Amino acid sequence: MARIAGITLPPEKRVEVGLTYIYGIGRSKSNLILQEAKIDRNKKVKALSEDEVNKIRQIIEKREKIEGDLRKEISTNIKR
């Protein structure tokens, strides 16, 4: 079971689609992340090794603003 950014990714989905369950990551960002991590986008989430999950997690943490941080930024931008 892969858990990234506090979100449990659905095990039966392809990784490309599974990453879109994280707020702030769509199909295009998902593909970019997987290309950088050198992971096949058609691979199922349940087939990911722990190293692959950690690689994805590191890429997301260093490059993307997601979940709570993104929601907070959007909220403050709207309030201005």
N, C-alpha and C. Protein backbone atom coordinates (compact mmCIF):
# COMPACT_ATOMS: atom_id res chain seq x y z
N MET A 1 0.84 -1.18 0.00
CA MET A 1 0.00 0.00 0.00
C MET A 1 0.89 1.24 0.00
N ALA A 2 0.74 2.08 -1.00
CA ALA A 2 1.55 3.29 -1.13
C ALA A 2 0.83 4.47 -0.49
N ARG A 3 1.55 5.17 0.37
CA ARG A 3 0.99 6.34 1.03
C ARG A 3 1.95 7.51 0.77
N ILE A 4 1.44 8.51 0.08
CA ILE A 4 2.25 9.68 -0.26
C ILE A 4 1.48 10.94 0.13
N ALA A 5 2.15 11.83 0.84
CA ALA A 5 1.56 13.11 1.28
C ALA A 5 0.29 12.90 2.08
N GLY A 6 0.24 11.84 2.87
CA GLY A 6 -0.92 11.57 3.70
C GLY A 6 -2.09 10.96 2.96
N ILE A 7 -1.92 10.65 1.70
CA ILE A 7 -2.98 10.07 0.88
C ILE A 7 -2.60 8.63 0.53
N THR A 8 -3.51 7.71 0.77
CA THR A 8 -3.30 6.32 0.37
C THR A 8 -3.74 6.17 -1.07
N LEU A 9 -2.80 5.77 -1.92
CA LEU A 9 -3.11 5.62 -3.34
C LEU A 9 -3.83 4.30 -3.57
N PRO A 10 -4.85 4.29 -4.44
CA PRO A 10 -5.61 3.06 -4.70
C PRO A 10 -4.72 2.01 -5.36
N PRO A 11 -4.60 0.81 -4.77
CA PRO A 11 -3.66 -0.20 -5.26
C PRO A 11 -3.96 -0.75 -6.65
N GLU A 12 -5.19 -0.76 -7.08
CA GLU A 12 -5.55 -1.35 -8.37
C GLU A 12 -5.41 -0.39 -9.55
N LYS A 13 -5.14 0.88 -9.26
CA LYS A 13 -5.02 1.89 -10.33
C LYS A 13 -3.58 1.92 -10.85
N ARG A 14 -3.43 2.46 -12.07
CA ARG A 14 -2.09 2.69 -12.60
C ARG A 14 -1.49 3.86 -11.82
N VAL A 15 -0.17 3.89 -11.72
CA VAL A 15 0.51 4.93 -10.95
C VAL A 15 0.16 6.32 -11.48
N GLU A 16 0.10 6.44 -12.80
CA GLU A 16 -0.22 7.72 -13.43
C GLU A 16 -1.55 8.27 -12.91
N VAL A 17 -2.53 7.42 -12.77
CA VAL A 17 -3.86 7.82 -12.30
C VAL A 17 -3.87 7.93 -10.78
N GLY A 18 -3.19 7.03 -10.10
CA GLY A 18 -3.16 7.03 -8.64
C GLY A 18 -2.61 8.32 -8.06
N LEU A 19 -1.60 8.89 -8.70
CA LEU A 19 -1.01 10.14 -8.20
C LEU A 19 -1.99 11.30 -8.28
N THR A 20 -2.96 11.22 -9.17
CA THR A 20 -3.93 12.32 -9.30
C THR A 20 -4.89 12.38 -8.12
N TYR A 21 -4.87 11.39 -7.24
CA TYR A 21 -5.68 11.42 -6.03
C TYR A 21 -5.12 12.42 -5.02
N ILE A 22 -3.88 12.87 -5.25
CA ILE A 22 -3.25 13.87 -4.39
C ILE A 22 -3.66 15.25 -4.91
N TYR A 23 -4.22 16.08 -4.03
CA TYR A 23 -4.68 17.41 -4.41
C TYR A 23 -3.49 18.23 -4.92
N GLY A 24 -3.60 18.73 -6.13
CA GLY A 24 -2.55 19.55 -6.73
C GLY A 24 -1.75 18.82 -7.79
N ILE A 25 -2.01 17.52 -7.97
CA ILE A 25 -1.32 16.75 -9.00
C ILE A 25 -2.35 16.24 -10.00
N GLY A 26 -2.19 16.67 -11.24
CA GLY A 26 -3.06 16.20 -12.32
C GLY A 26 -2.31 15.21 -13.19
N ARG A 27 -2.89 14.90 -14.33
CA ARG A 27 -2.29 13.91 -15.24
C ARG A 27 -0.92 14.36 -15.74
N SER A 28 -0.79 15.63 -16.13
CA SER A 28 0.48 16.09 -16.70
C SER A 28 1.59 16.12 -15.65
N LYS A 29 1.30 16.61 -14.45
CA LYS A 29 2.30 16.61 -13.39
C LYS A 29 2.67 15.19 -13.00
N SER A 30 1.67 14.32 -12.99
CA SER A 30 1.91 12.91 -12.67
C SER A 30 2.90 12.31 -13.66
N ASN A 31 2.70 12.57 -14.94
CA ASN A 31 3.61 12.06 -15.97
C ASN A 31 5.02 12.62 -15.80
N LEU A 32 5.14 13.91 -15.49
CA LEU A 32 6.46 14.52 -15.30
C LEU A 32 7.18 13.89 -14.11
N ILE A 33 6.46 13.67 -13.03
CA ILE A 33 7.04 13.06 -11.83
C ILE A 33 7.54 11.65 -12.14
N LEU A 34 6.73 10.88 -12.86
CA LEU A 34 7.11 9.50 -13.18
C LEU A 34 8.28 9.45 -14.16
N GLN A 35 8.35 10.40 -15.09
CA GLN A 35 9.50 10.45 -16.00
C GLN A 35 10.78 10.75 -15.24
N GLU A 36 10.71 11.70 -14.31
CA GLU A 36 11.89 12.04 -13.52
C GLU A 36 12.33 10.87 -12.64
N ALA A 37 11.35 10.13 -12.12
CA ALA A 37 11.66 8.98 -11.26
C ALA A 37 12.02 7.73 -12.06
N LYS A 38 11.83 7.81 -13.38
CA LYS A 38 12.09 6.68 -14.29
C LYS A 38 11.25 5.45 -13.91
N ILE A 39 9.95 5.69 -13.74
CA ILE A 39 8.99 4.64 -13.41
C ILE A 39 7.96 4.56 -14.53
N ASP A 40 7.63 3.35 -14.95
CA ASP A 40 6.64 3.14 -16.00
C ASP A 40 5.28 3.63 -15.51
N ARG A 41 4.64 4.49 -16.29
CA ARG A 41 3.36 5.07 -15.87
C ARG A 41 2.22 4.06 -15.91
N ASN A 42 2.39 2.94 -16.61
CA ASN A 42 1.35 1.93 -16.69
C ASN A 42 1.43 0.89 -15.57
N LYS A 43 2.43 1.01 -14.73
CA LYS A 43 2.60 0.09 -13.61
C LYS A 43 1.50 0.32 -12.58
N LYS A 44 1.02 -0.74 -11.96
CA LYS A 44 -0.01 -0.62 -10.91
C LYS A 44 0.63 -0.12 -9.62
N VAL A 45 -0.15 0.60 -8.83
CA VAL A 45 0.34 1.14 -7.56
C VAL A 45 0.82 0.01 -6.65
N LYS A 46 0.08 -1.10 -6.63
CA LYS A 46 0.45 -2.21 -5.73
C LYS A 46 1.76 -2.87 -6.15
N ALA A 47 2.22 -2.66 -7.38
CA ALA A 47 3.46 -3.26 -7.87
C ALA A 47 4.68 -2.38 -7.61
N LEU A 48 4.47 -1.20 -7.04
CA LEU A 48 5.59 -0.30 -6.76
C LEU A 48 6.43 -0.84 -5.60
N SER A 49 7.74 -0.75 -5.75
CA SER A 49 8.62 -1.14 -4.65
C SER A 49 8.70 0.04 -3.67
N GLU A 50 9.23 -0.23 -2.49
CA GLU A 50 9.37 0.82 -1.49
C GLU A 50 10.33 1.91 -1.98
N ASP A 51 11.37 1.51 -2.71
CA ASP A 51 12.32 2.48 -3.27
C ASP A 51 11.64 3.41 -4.27
N GLU A 52 10.77 2.85 -5.11
CA GLU A 52 10.06 3.66 -6.10
C GLU A 52 9.11 4.65 -5.42
N VAL A 53 8.43 4.20 -4.38
CA VAL A 53 7.52 5.08 -3.64
C VAL A 53 8.32 6.22 -2.99
N ASN A 54 9.46 5.88 -2.42
CA ASN A 54 10.31 6.91 -1.80
C ASN A 54 10.82 7.91 -2.83
N LYS A 55 11.17 7.43 -4.01
CA LYS A 55 11.64 8.30 -5.08
C LYS A 55 10.54 9.29 -5.49
N ILE A 56 9.32 8.78 -5.65
CA ILE A 56 8.18 9.64 -6.00
C ILE A 56 7.94 10.65 -4.89
N ARG A 57 7.97 10.18 -3.64
CA ARG A 57 7.74 11.05 -2.49
C ARG A 57 8.76 12.19 -2.45
N GLN A 58 10.03 11.89 -2.69
CA GLN A 58 11.08 12.91 -2.66
C GLN A 58 10.88 13.94 -3.77
N ILE A 59 10.53 13.49 -4.95
CA ILE A 59 10.32 14.41 -6.07
C ILE A 59 9.15 15.35 -5.77
N ILE A 60 8.08 14.81 -5.24
CA ILE A 60 6.91 15.63 -4.93
C ILE A 60 7.24 16.64 -3.84
N GLU A 61 7.95 16.21 -2.80
CA GLU A 61 8.28 17.10 -1.69
C GLU A 61 9.17 18.26 -2.12
N LYS A 62 10.11 18.00 -3.02
CA LYS A 62 11.04 19.08 -3.40
C LYS A 62 10.48 20.00 -4.47
N ARG A 63 9.54 19.53 -5.30
CA ARG A 63 9.08 20.33 -6.45
C ARG A 63 7.67 20.86 -6.34
N GLU A 64 6.79 20.13 -5.75
CA GLU A 64 5.37 20.46 -5.84
C GLU A 64 4.81 20.99 -4.52
N LYS A 65 3.89 21.92 -4.64
CA LYS A 65 3.11 22.38 -3.50
C LYS A 65 1.79 21.63 -3.58
N ILE A 66 1.49 20.83 -2.57
CA ILE A 66 0.32 19.95 -2.63
C ILE A 66 -0.49 19.99 -1.35
N GLU A 67 -1.65 19.39 -1.40
CA GLU A 67 -2.55 19.19 -0.27
C GLU A 67 -2.74 20.46 0.56
N GLY A 68 -2.44 20.43 1.85
CA GLY A 68 -2.73 21.53 2.76
C GLY A 68 -2.06 22.83 2.40
N ASP A 69 -0.79 22.77 2.02
CA ASP A 69 -0.06 23.99 1.64
C ASP A 69 -0.70 24.67 0.45
N LEU A 70 -1.07 23.90 -0.55
CA LEU A 70 -1.69 24.45 -1.75
C LEU A 70 -3.07 25.02 -1.43
N ARG A 71 -3.84 24.30 -0.63
CA ARG A 71 -5.18 24.79 -0.25
C ARG A 71 -5.07 26.11 0.51
N LYS A 72 -4.09 26.20 1.42
CA LYS A 72 -3.90 27.41 2.21
C LYS A 72 -3.50 28.58 1.31
N GLU A 73 -2.60 28.35 0.36
CA GLU A 73 -2.17 29.41 -0.55
C GLU A 73 -3.33 29.90 -1.40
N ILE A 74 -4.12 28.99 -1.92
CA ILE A 74 -5.28 29.36 -2.74
C ILE A 74 -6.27 30.17 -1.91
N SER A 75 -6.50 29.73 -0.67
CA SER A 75 -7.44 30.41 0.21
C SER A 75 -6.98 31.84 0.50
N THR A 76 -5.70 32.02 0.80
CA THR A 76 -5.21 33.37 1.07
C THR A 76 -5.22 34.24 -0.18
N ASN A 77 -4.99 33.66 -1.34
CA ASN A 77 -5.05 34.44 -2.58
C ASN A 77 -6.47 34.92 -2.85
N ILE A 78 -7.45 34.11 -2.53
CA ILE A 78 -8.85 34.49 -2.74
C ILE A 78 -9.25 35.60 -1.78
N LYS A 79 -8.75 35.55 -0.54
CA LYS A 79 -9.10 36.54 0.47
C LYS A 79 -8.54 37.92 0.17
N ARG A 80 -7.48 38.00 -0.64
CA ARG A 80 -6.86 39.31 -0.93
C ARG A 80 -7.74 40.18 -1.73
